[in-house]
PDB file of N, CA and C in Angstrom:
ATOM      1  N   MET A   1     -18.876  17.245  16.059  1.00  0.00           N
ATOM      2  CA  MET A   1     -18.804  17.620  14.626  1.00  0.00           C
ATOM      3  C   MET A   1     -18.979  15.936  13.999  1.00  0.00           C
ATOM      4  N   ASN A   2     -20.434  15.565  13.377  1.00  0.00           N
ATOM      5  CA  ASN A   2     -19.947  14.273  13.050  1.00  0.00           C
ATOM      6  C   ASN A   2     -19.317  14.127  11.560  1.00  0.00           C
ATOM      7  N   ARG A   3     -18.798  13.309  11.273  1.00  0.00           N
ATOM      8  CA  ARG A   3     -17.880  12.839   9.861  1.00  0.00           C
ATOM      9  C   ARG A   3     -19.023  12.782   8.678  1.00  0.00           C
ATOM     10  N   HIS A   4     -18.715  13.650   7.753  1.00  0.00           N
ATOM     11  CA  HIS A   4     -19.705  13.127   6.408  1.00  0.00           C
ATOM     12  C   HIS A   4     -18.599  13.316   5.605  1.00  0.00           C
ATOM     13  N   ILE A   5     -19.577  12.393   4.517  1.00  0.00           N
ATOM     14  CA  ILE A   5     -18.005  12.192   3.362  1.00  0.00           C
ATOM     15  C   ILE A   5     -18.504  13.405   2.495  1.00  0.00           C
ATOM     16  N   VAL A   6     -17.427  14.048   1.715  1.00  0.00           N
ATOM     17  CA  VAL A   6     -17.599  14.822   0.485  1.00  0.00           C
ATOM     18  C   VAL A   6     -17.156  14.687  -0.477  1.00  0.00           C
ATOM     19  N   CYS A   7     -16.273  14.129  -0.872  1.00  0.00           N
ATOM     20  CA  CYS A   7     -16.161  13.530  -2.440  1.00  0.00           C
ATOM     21  C   CYS A   7     -15.142  11.948  -2.201  1.00  0.00           C
ATOM     22  N   ALA A   8     -15.301  11.921  -3.782  1.00  0.00           N
ATOM     23  CA  ALA A   8     -14.619  10.140  -4.209  1.00  0.00           C
ATOM     24  C   ALA A   8     -13.247  10.597  -4.069  1.00  0.00           C
ATOM     25  N   ALA A   9     -12.196   9.608  -4.111  1.00  0.00           N
ATOM     26  CA  ALA A   9     -10.778   9.933  -3.783  1.00  0.00           C
ATOM     27  C   ALA A   9      -9.922   8.389  -4.130  1.00  0.00           C
ATOM     28  N   ASN A  10      -9.069   8.169  -4.747  1.00  0.00           N
ATOM     29  CA  ASN A  10      -8.206   7.345  -5.146  1.00  0.00           C
ATOM     30  C   ASN A  10      -6.459   7.562  -4.390  1.00  0.00           C
ATOM     31  N   LYS A  11      -6.866   6.082  -3.654  1.00  0.00           N
ATOM     32  CA  LYS A  11      -5.599   6.291  -3.039  1.00  0.00           C
ATOM     33  C   LYS A  11      -4.352   4.988  -3.752  1.00  0.00           C
ATOM     34  N   PHE A  12      -3.336   6.191  -4.218  1.00  0.00           N
ATOM     35  CA  PHE A  12      -1.791   5.130  -4.726  1.00  0.00           C
ATOM     36  C   PHE A  12      -0.700   4.906  -3.924  1.00  0.00           C
ATOM     37  N   GLU A  13      -0.111   3.819  -3.890  1.00  0.00           N
ATOM     38  CA  GLU A  13       0.883   3.509  -2.803  1.00  0.00           C
ATOM     39  C   GLU A  13       1.646   3.492  -3.700  1.00  0.00           C
ATOM     40  N   LEU A  14       3.018   3.540  -4.032  1.00  0.00           N
ATOM     41  CA  LEU A  14       3.676   3.652  -4.689  1.00  0.00           C
ATOM     42  C   LEU A  14       5.503   3.682  -3.929  1.00  0.00           C
ATOM     43  N   ASN A  15       6.457   2.850  -3.860  1.00  0.00           N
ATOM     44  CA  ASN A  15       7.047   3.166  -3.269  1.00  0.00           C
ATOM     45  C   ASN A  15       7.262   3.653  -1.510  1.00  0.00           C
ATOM     46  N   GLY A  16       6.192   3.305  -1.154  1.00  0.00           N
ATOM     47  CA  GLY A  16       6.249   3.197   0.363  1.00  0.00           C
ATOM     48  C   GLY A  16       5.419   3.745   0.716  1.00  0.00           C
ATOM     49  N   GLN A  17       5.056   5.054  -0.456  1.00  0.00           N
ATOM     50  CA  GLN A  17       4.160   6.458   0.216  1.00  0.00           C
ATOM     51  C   GLN A  17       3.189   6.672  -1.050  1.00  0.00           C
ATOM     52  N   GLU A  18       2.011   7.078  -0.259  1.00  0.00           N
ATOM     53  CA  GLU A  18       0.729   7.196  -0.686  1.00  0.00           C
ATOM     54  C   GLU A  18       0.483   8.653  -1.361  1.00  0.00           C
ATOM     55  N   ILE A  19      -0.141   8.461  -1.856  1.00  0.00           N
ATOM     56  CA  ILE A  19      -1.047   9.695  -2.895  1.00  0.00           C
ATOM     57  C   ILE A  19      -2.539   9.618  -2.852  1.00  0.00           C
ATOM     58  N   ILE A  20      -2.894  10.390  -2.878  1.00  0.00           N
ATOM     59  CA  ILE A  20      -3.990  10.871  -2.907  1.00  0.00           C
ATOM     60  C   ILE A  20      -5.179  11.758  -3.897  1.00  0.00           C
ATOM     61  N   VAL A  21      -5.817  11.150  -3.978  1.00  0.00           N
ATOM     62  CA  VAL A  21      -6.344  12.209  -5.687  1.00  0.00           C
ATOM     63  C   VAL A  21      -7.735  12.196  -5.146  1.00  0.00           C
ATOM     64  N   THR A  22      -8.598  13.393  -5.038  1.00  0.00           N
ATOM     65  CA  THR A  22      -9.571  13.233  -5.126  1.00  0.00           C
ATOM     66  C   THR A  22     -10.548  14.042  -6.459  1.00  0.00           C
ATOM     67  N   GLY A  23     -11.753  13.788  -6.539  1.00  0.00           N
ATOM     68  CA  GLY A  23     -12.551  14.307  -7.455  1.00  0.00           C
ATOM     69  C   GLY A  23     -14.002  14.223  -7.316  1.00  0.00           C
ATOM     70  N   ALA A  24     -14.729  14.552  -7.594  1.00  0.00           N
ATOM     71  CA  ALA A  24     -16.366  14.593  -7.472  1.00  0.00           C
ATOM     72  C   ALA A  24     -16.884  12.777  -7.858  1.00  0.00           C
ATOM     73  N   ARG A  25     -15.899  12.967  -8.379  1.00  0.00           N
ATOM     74  CA  ARG A  25     -16.831  11.246  -8.969  1.00  0.00           C
ATOM     75  C   ARG A  25     -14.878   9.968  -9.502  1.00  0.00           C
ATOM     76  N   HIS A  26     -15.235   8.785  -8.983  1.00  0.00           N
ATOM     77  CA  HIS A  26     -13.732   8.207  -9.418  1.00  0.00           C
ATOM     78  C   HIS A  26     -13.642   8.573 -11.003  1.00  0.00           C
ATOM     79  N   TYR A  27     -12.139   8.588 -10.794  1.00  0.00           N
ATOM     80  CA  TYR A  27     -11.738   8.370 -12.289  1.00  0.00           C
ATOM     81  C   TYR A  27     -12.178   9.484 -13.620  1.00  0.00           C
ATOM     82  N   ASP A  28     -13.093  10.999 -13.348  1.00  0.00           N
ATOM     83  CA  ASP A  28     -13.638  12.183 -13.315  1.00  0.00           C
ATOM     84  C   ASP A  28     -12.566  12.970 -14.843  1.00  0.00           C
ATOM     85  N   PRO A  29     -12.918  13.352 -15.161  1.00  0.00           N
ATOM     86  CA  PRO A  29     -11.896  14.645 -16.194  1.00  0.00           C
ATOM     87  C   PRO A  29     -10.856  15.177 -15.031  1.00  0.00           C
ATOM     88  N   ILE A  30     -11.403  15.593 -14.303  1.00  0.00           N
ATOM     89  CA  ILE A  30     -10.256  16.060 -13.146  1.00  0.00           C
ATOM     90  C   ILE A  30      -9.429  15.428 -12.487  1.00  0.00           C
ATOM     91  N   MET A  31     -10.044  14.032 -12.331  1.00  0.00           N
ATOM     92  CA  MET A  31      -9.249  13.483 -11.729  1.00  0.00           C
ATOM     93  C   MET A  31      -7.899  12.885 -12.229  1.00  0.00           C
ATOM     94  N   HIS A  32      -8.201  12.316 -13.541  1.00  0.00           N
ATOM     95  CA  HIS A  32      -7.858  12.220 -15.098  1.00  0.00           C
ATOM     96  C   HIS A  32      -6.281  13.126 -15.228  1.00  0.00           C
ATOM     97  N   ALA A  33      -7.068  14.459 -14.823  1.00  0.00           N
ATOM     98  CA  ALA A  33      -6.179  15.636 -15.093  1.00  0.00           C
ATOM     99  C   ALA A  33      -5.174  15.200 -14.144  1.00  0.00           C
ATOM    100  N   VAL A  34      -5.061  15.504 -13.256  1.00  0.00           N
ATOM    101  CA  VAL A  34      -4.372  15.419 -11.958  1.00  0.00           C
ATOM    102  C   VAL A  34      -3.147  14.331 -11.688  1.00  0.00           C
ATOM    103  N   ILE A  35      -3.997  13.137 -11.830  1.00  0.00           N
ATOM    104  CA  ILE A  35      -3.401  11.910 -12.263  1.00  0.00           C
ATOM    105  C   ILE A  35      -2.403  11.937 -13.637  1.00  0.00           C
ATOM    106  N   ASP A  36      -2.979  12.453 -14.474  1.00  0.00           N
ATOM    107  CA  ASP A  36      -1.791  12.348 -15.604  1.00  0.00           C
ATOM    108  C   ASP A  36      -0.345  13.667 -15.679  1.00  0.00           C
ATOM    109  N   ALA A  37      -0.846  14.745 -14.487  1.00  0.00           N
ATOM    110  CA  ALA A  37       0.070  15.898 -14.144  1.00  0.00           C
ATOM    111  C   ALA A  37       1.239  15.679 -13.085  1.00  0.00           C
ATOM    112  N   LEU A  38       0.586  14.434 -12.075  1.00  0.00           N
ATOM    113  CA  LEU A  38       1.474  13.672 -11.361  1.00  0.00           C
ATOM    114  C   LEU A  38       2.304  12.919 -12.018  1.00  0.00           C
ATOM    115  N   SER A  39       2.061  11.675 -13.085  1.00  0.00           N
ATOM    116  CA  SER A  39       2.492  10.820 -14.226  1.00  0.00           C
ATOM    117  C   SER A  39       3.839  12.063 -14.648  1.00  0.00           C
ATOM    118  N   GLU A  40       3.206  12.858 -15.133  1.00  0.00           N
ATOM    119  CA  GLU A  40       4.521  13.607 -16.010  1.00  0.00           C
ATOM    120  C   GLU A  40       5.845  14.530 -15.137  1.00  0.00           C
ATOM    121  N   GLN A  41       5.670  14.256 -14.203  1.00  0.00           N
ATOM    122  CA  GLN A  41       6.507  14.864 -12.796  1.00  0.00           C
ATOM    123  C   GLN A  41       7.169  13.791 -12.439  1.00  0.00           C
ATOM    124  N   GLY A  42       6.743  12.817 -13.111  1.00  0.00           N
ATOM    125  CA  GLY A  42       7.045  11.054 -12.088  1.00  0.00           C
ATOM    126  C   GLY A  42       6.831  11.194 -10.774  1.00  0.00           C
ATOM    127  N   GLN A  43       5.875  11.969 -10.402  1.00  0.00           N
ATOM    128  CA  GLN A  43       5.879  11.291  -9.242  1.00  0.00           C
ATOM    129  C   GLN A  43       4.413  10.304  -9.030  1.00  0.00           C
ATOM    130  N   LEU A  44       4.532  10.057  -9.802  1.00  0.00           N
ATOM    131  CA  LEU A  44       3.326   8.757  -9.824  1.00  0.00           C
ATOM    132  C   LEU A  44       3.420   7.698 -11.483  1.00  0.00           C
ATOM    133  N   ILE A  45       3.321   6.580 -11.024  1.00  0.00           N
ATOM    134  CA  ILE A  45       3.496   6.113 -12.592  1.00  0.00           C
ATOM    135  C   ILE A  45       2.348   5.333 -13.037  1.00  0.00           C
ATOM    136  N   ALA A  46       2.031   5.814 -14.150  1.00  0.00           N
ATOM    137  CA  ALA A  46       1.001   6.195 -15.301  1.00  0.00           C
ATOM    138  C   ALA A  46      -0.025   4.783 -14.838  1.00  0.00           C
ATOM    139  N   ILE A  47      -1.053   5.050 -15.215  1.00  0.00           N
ATOM    140  CA  ILE A  47      -1.912   3.911 -14.749  1.00  0.00           C
ATOM    141  C   ILE A  47      -2.025   3.257 -16.093  1.00  0.00           C
ATOM    142  N   PRO A  48      -2.344   1.672 -16.455  1.00  0.00           N
ATOM    143  CA  PRO A  48      -2.938   0.713 -14.971  1.00  0.00           C
ATOM    144  C   PRO A  48      -1.826   0.624 -14.545  1.00  0.00           C
ATOM    145  N   ASP A  49      -0.036   0.592 -14.353  1.00  0.00           N
ATOM    146  CA  ASP A  49       0.830   0.272 -13.677  1.00  0.00           C
ATOM    147  C   ASP A  49       0.091   0.433 -12.638  1.00  0.00           C
ATOM    148  N   VAL A  50       0.152   0.964 -11.805  1.00  0.00           N
ATOM    149  CA  VAL A  50      -0.322   1.182 -10.606  1.00  0.00           C
ATOM    150  C   VAL A  50      -1.770   1.577 -10.090  1.00  0.00           C
ATOM    151  N   VAL A  51      -2.150   0.438  -9.204  1.00  0.00           N
ATOM    152  CA  VAL A  51      -3.800   0.094  -8.577  1.00  0.00           C
ATOM    153  C   VAL A  51      -3.868   1.346  -8.009  1.00  0.00           C
ATOM    154  N   ALA A  52      -5.074   1.814  -7.752  1.00  0.00           N
ATOM    155  CA  ALA A  52      -5.252   2.554  -6.937  1.00  0.00           C
ATOM    156  C   ALA A  52      -6.940   2.046  -6.262  1.00  0.00           C
ATOM    157  N   ASN A  53      -6.656   2.418  -5.089  1.00  0.00           N
ATOM    158  CA  ASN A  53      -7.843   1.788  -3.919  1.00  0.00           C
ATOM    159  C   ASN A  53      -8.751   2.894  -3.860  1.00  0.00           C
ATOM    160  N   GLN A  54     -10.152   2.649  -4.391  1.00  0.00           N
ATOM    161  CA  GLN A  54     -10.809   3.514  -4.715  1.00  0.00           C
ATOM    162  C   GLN A  54     -11.575   3.450  -3.341  1.00  0.00           C
ATOM    163  N   GLY A  55     -11.799   5.239  -3.090  1.00  0.00           N
ATOM    164  CA  GLY A  55     -13.104   4.952  -1.702  1.00  0.00           C
ATOM    165  C   GLY A  55     -12.484   6.913  -1.486  1.00  0.00           C
ATOM    166  N   PHE A  56     -13.112   7.229  -0.497  1.00  0.00           N
ATOM    167  CA  PHE A  56     -13.634   8.803  -0.323  1.00  0.00           C
ATOM    168  C   PHE A  56     -13.026   9.595   0.533  1.00  0.00           C
ATOM    169  N   ILE A  57     -13.129  10.845   0.709  1.00  0.00           N
ATOM    170  CA  ILE A  57     -12.271  11.774   2.008  1.00  0.00           C
ATOM    171  C   ILE A  57     -13.487  11.853   2.419  1.00  0.00           C
ATOM    172  N   ASP A  58     -13.651  12.266   3.887  1.00  0.00           N
ATOM    173  CA  ASP A  58     -14.414  12.874   4.932  1.00  0.00           C
ATOM    174  C   ASP A  58     -14.317  14.342   4.876  1.00  0.00           C
ATOM    175  N   ASN A  59     -14.972  14.886   6.240  1.00  0.00           N
ATOM    176  CA  ASN A  59     -14.901  16.378   6.593  1.00  0.00           C
ATOM    177  C   ASN A  59     -14.052  16.556   6.966  1.00  0.00           C
ATOM    178  N   PHE A  60     -12.776  16.061   7.091  1.00  0.00           N
ATOM    179  CA  PHE A  60     -11.523  15.937   8.293  1.00  0.00           C
ATOM    180  C   PHE A  60     -10.106  15.451   7.093  1.00  0.00           C
ATOM    181  N   GLY A  61     -10.886  15.130   5.932  1.00  0.00           N
ATOM    182  CA  GLY A  61      -9.708  14.925   5.397  1.00  0.00           C
ATOM    183  C   GLY A  61      -8.532  13.901   5.166  1.00  0.00           C
ATOM    184  N   LYS A  62      -9.204  13.121   5.714  1.00  0.00           N
ATOM    185  CA  LYS A  62      -9.372  11.355   5.920  1.00  0.00           C
ATOM    186  C   LYS A  62     -10.152  10.580   4.886  1.00  0.00           C
ATOM    187  N   TRP A  63      -9.112   9.924   4.610  1.00  0.00           N
ATOM    188  CA  TRP A  63      -9.194   8.356   3.726  1.00  0.00           C
ATOM    189  C   TRP A  63     -10.352   7.308   4.083  1.00  0.00           C
ATOM    190  N   LEU A  64     -11.173   7.265   3.538  1.00  0.00           N
ATOM    191  CA  LEU A  64     -12.040   5.789   3.992  1.00  0.00           C
ATOM    192  C   LEU A  64     -12.187   4.887   2.249  1.00  0.00           C
ATOM    193  N   SER A  65     -12.329   3.670   3.008  1.00  0.00           N
ATOM    194  CA  SER A  65     -12.487   2.719   2.352  1.00  0.00           C
ATOM    195  C   SER A  65     -13.812   3.231   1.736  1.00  0.00           C
ATOM    196  N   ARG A  66     -13.946   2.043   0.270  1.00  0.00           N
ATOM    197  CA  ARG A  66     -15.453   2.388  -0.270  1.00  0.00           C
ATOM    198  C   ARG A  66     -16.570   1.621   0.913  1.00  0.00           C
ATOM    199  N   GLU A  67     -16.403   0.505   1.576  1.00  0.00           N
ATOM    200  CA  GLU A  67     -16.914  -0.141   3.122  1.00  0.00           C
ATOM    201  C   GLU A  67     -16.535   0.870   4.201  1.00  0.00           C
ATOM    202  N   ASP A  68     -15.982   1.597   4.285  1.00  0.00           N
ATOM    203  CA  ASP A  68     -16.076   1.841   5.870  1.00  0.00           C
ATOM    204  C   ASP A  68     -16.660   3.185   4.821  1.00  0.00           C
ATOM    205  N   ALA A  69     -16.488   3.450   4.378  1.00  0.00           N
ATOM    206  CA  ALA A  69     -16.970   5.468   4.028  1.00  0.00           C
ATOM    207  C   ALA A  69     -18.605   4.860   3.763  1.00  0.00           C
ATOM    208  N   ARG A  70     -19.056   3.892   3.001  1.00  0.00           N
ATOM    209  CA  ARG A  70     -20.576   3.560   3.321  1.00  0.00           C
ATOM    210  C   ARG A  70     -21.181   3.593   5.030  1.00  0.00           C
ATOM    211  N   ALA A  71     -20.558   2.857   5.831  1.00  0.00           N
ATOM    212  CA  ALA A  71     -20.588   2.820   7.340  1.00  0.00           C
ATOM    213  C   ALA A  71     -20.876   3.369   7.603  1.00  0.00           C
ATOM    214  N   CYS A  72     -20.195   4.921   7.220  1.00  0.00           N
ATOM    215  CA  CYS A  72     -19.834   6.538   7.979  1.00  0.00           C
ATOM    216  C   CYS A  72     -20.977   7.056   7.551  1.00  0.00           C
ATOM    217  N   VAL A  73     -21.695   6.883   6.387  1.00  0.00           N
ATOM    218  CA  VAL A  73     -22.946   7.583   5.833  1.00  0.00           C
ATOM    219  C   VAL A  73     -24.117   7.326   6.894  1.00  0.00           C
ATOM    220  N   LEU A  74     -23.677   5.583   6.471  1.00  0.00           N
ATOM    221  CA  LEU A  74     -25.255   5.115   7.149  1.00  0.00           C
ATOM    222  C   LEU A  74     -25.293   5.268   8.898  1.00  0.00           C
ATOM    223  N   GLU A  75     -23.787   5.417   9.503  1.00  0.00           N
ATOM    224  CA  GLU A  75     -23.981   6.148  11.403  1.00  0.00           C
ATOM    225  C   GLU A  75     -24.253   6.863  11.484  1.00  0.00           C
ATOM    226  N   ASN A  76     -23.825   8.384  10.649  1.00  0.00           N
ATOM    227  CA  ASN A  76     -23.885   9.708  10.478  1.00  0.00           C
ATOM    228  C   ASN A  76     -25.283  10.165   9.988  1.00  0.00           C
ATOM    229  N   GLU A  77     -26.152   8.910   9.692  1.00  0.00           N
ATOM    230  CA  GLU A  77     -27.443   9.515   8.728  1.00  0.00           C
ATOM    231  C   GLU A  77     -27.127  10.503   7.331  1.00  0.00           C
ATOM    232  N   GLN A  78     -26.344  10.290   6.814  1.00  0.00           N
ATOM    233  CA  GLN A  78     -25.730  11.518   5.755  1.00  0.00           C
ATOM    234  C   GLN A  78     -27.004  10.997   4.686  1.00  0.00           C
ATOM    235  N   VAL A  79     -27.275  11.751   3.577  1.00  0.00           N
ATOM    236  CA  VAL A  79     -28.595  11.246   2.605  1.00  0.00           C
ATOM    237  C   VAL A  79     -27.736  10.556   1.867  1.00  0.00           C
ATOM    238  N   LEU A  80     -28.573   9.800   1.368  1.00  0.00           N
ATOM    239  CA  LEU A  80     -28.526   8.671   0.402  1.00  0.00           C
ATOM    240  C   LEU A  80     -29.471   8.989  -0.609  1.00  0.00           C
ATOM    241  N   ARG A  81     -29.245   9.301  -1.660  1.00  0.00           N
ATOM    242  CA  ARG A  81     -29.878   9.306  -3.335  1.00  0.00           C
ATOM    243  C   ARG A  81     -29.852   7.871  -3.528  1.00  0.00           C
ATOM    244  N   SER A  82     -29.132   7.274  -3.358  1.00  0.00           N
ATOM    245  CA  SER A  82     -29.880   5.645  -3.929  1.00  0.00           C
ATOM    246  C   SER A  82     -29.722   4.883  -2.552  1.00  0.00           C
ATOM    247  N   GLN A  83     -29.899   3.162  -2.437  1.00  0.00           N
ATOM    248  CA  GLN A  83     -29.424   3.350  -1.349  1.00  0.00           C
ATOM    249  C   GLN A  83     -29.728   1.162  -1.786  1.00  0.00           C
ATOM    250  N   PRO A  84     -28.520   0.936  -2.808  1.00  0.00           N
ATOM    251  CA  PRO A  84     -28.802  -0.029  -2.849  1.00  0.00           C
ATOM    252  C   PRO A  84     -28.280  -1.662  -2.118  1.00  0.00           C
ATOM    253  N   ASN A  85     -28.698  -2.724  -2.413  1.00  0.00           N
ATOM    254  CA  ASN A  85     -28.084  -3.681  -1.304  1.00  0.00           C
ATOM    255  C   ASN A  85     -26.965  -3.772  -1.536  1.00  0.00           C
ATOM    256  N   SER A  86     -25.236  -3.002  -1.031  1.00  0.00           N
ATOM    257  CA  SER A  86     -24.742  -2.964  -0.925  1.00  0.00           C
ATOM    258  C   SER A  86     -23.279  -2.431   0.163  1.00  0.00           C
ATOM    259  N   SER A  87     -22.618  -3.475   0.481  1.00  0.00           N
ATOM    260  CA  SER A  87     -21.642  -2.941   1.821  1.00  0.00           C
ATOM    261  C   SER A  87     -20.978  -1.358   1.383  1.00  0.00           C
ATOM    262  N   GLU A  88     -20.516  -1.772   0.096  1.00  0.00           N
ATOM    263  CA  GLU A  88     -19.904  -0.447  -0.550  1.00  0.00           C
ATOM    264  C   GLU A  88     -20.358   0.949  -1.432  1.00  0.00           C
ATOM    265  N   LEU A  89     -20.234   2.043  -0.597  1.00  0.00           N
ATOM    266  CA  LEU A  89     -20.784   3.024  -1.431  1.00  0.00           C
ATOM    267  C   LEU A  89     -19.808   3.955  -2.581  1.00  0.00           C
ATOM    268  N   PHE A  90     -20.501   4.375  -3.137  1.00  0.00           N
ATOM    269  CA  PHE A  90     -20.173   4.906  -4.805  1.00  0.00           C
ATOM    270  C   PHE A  90     -20.926   6.104  -4.737  1.00  0.00           C
ATOM    271  N   SER A  91     -20.192   6.986  -5.342  1.00  0.00           N
ATOM    272  CA  SER A  91     -20.452   8.224  -5.262  1.00  0.00           C
ATOM    273  C   SER A  91     -21.513   9.007  -6.108  1.00  0.00           C
ATOM    274  N   GLU A  92     -21.974   7.642  -6.643  1.00  0.00           N
ATOM    275  CA  GLU A  92     -23.502   8.123  -7.316  1.00  0.00           C
ATOM    276  C   GLU A  92     -24.885   8.164  -6.718  1.00  0.00           C
ATOM    277  N   ASP A  93     -24.508   7.361  -5.307  1.00  0.00           N
ATOM    278  CA  ASP A  93     -25.120   7.139  -4.214  1.00  0.00           C
ATOM    279  C   ASP A  93     -25.442   8.606  -3.468  1.00  0.00           C
ATOM    280  N   LEU A  94     -24.716   9.304  -3.264  1.00  0.00           N
ATOM    281  CA  LEU A  94     -24.537  10.072  -2.635  1.00  0.00           C
ATOM    282  C   LEU A  94     -25.118  12.174  -3.430  1.00  0.00           C
ATOM    283  N   TYR A  95     -24.774  12.305  -4.223  1.00  0.00           N
ATOM    284  CA  TYR A  95     -24.746  13.402  -5.651  1.00  0.00           C
ATOM    285  C   TYR A  95     -24.498  13.298  -6.984  1.00  0.00           C
TER     286      TYR A  95
END
């Protein structure tokens, strides 16, 4: 089964632990709601105190950086809506 990028994701590293939050787009209302809930529970320090690594999740649940996600899309011939001259993938490129 080929790997496909399925959604935007931010990876936070806090006290040696990784927390990945997904959404249709980076920092969309759903992603913000999850980040806010994690912050209220004390599991994540509110932004901008913690910097997120923006990337994507593939169909196997693996997080990929914007650069690795773009390479994955091209390698597996996933449909791109737009194809800017960039080494990074943006959710607008996919959907």
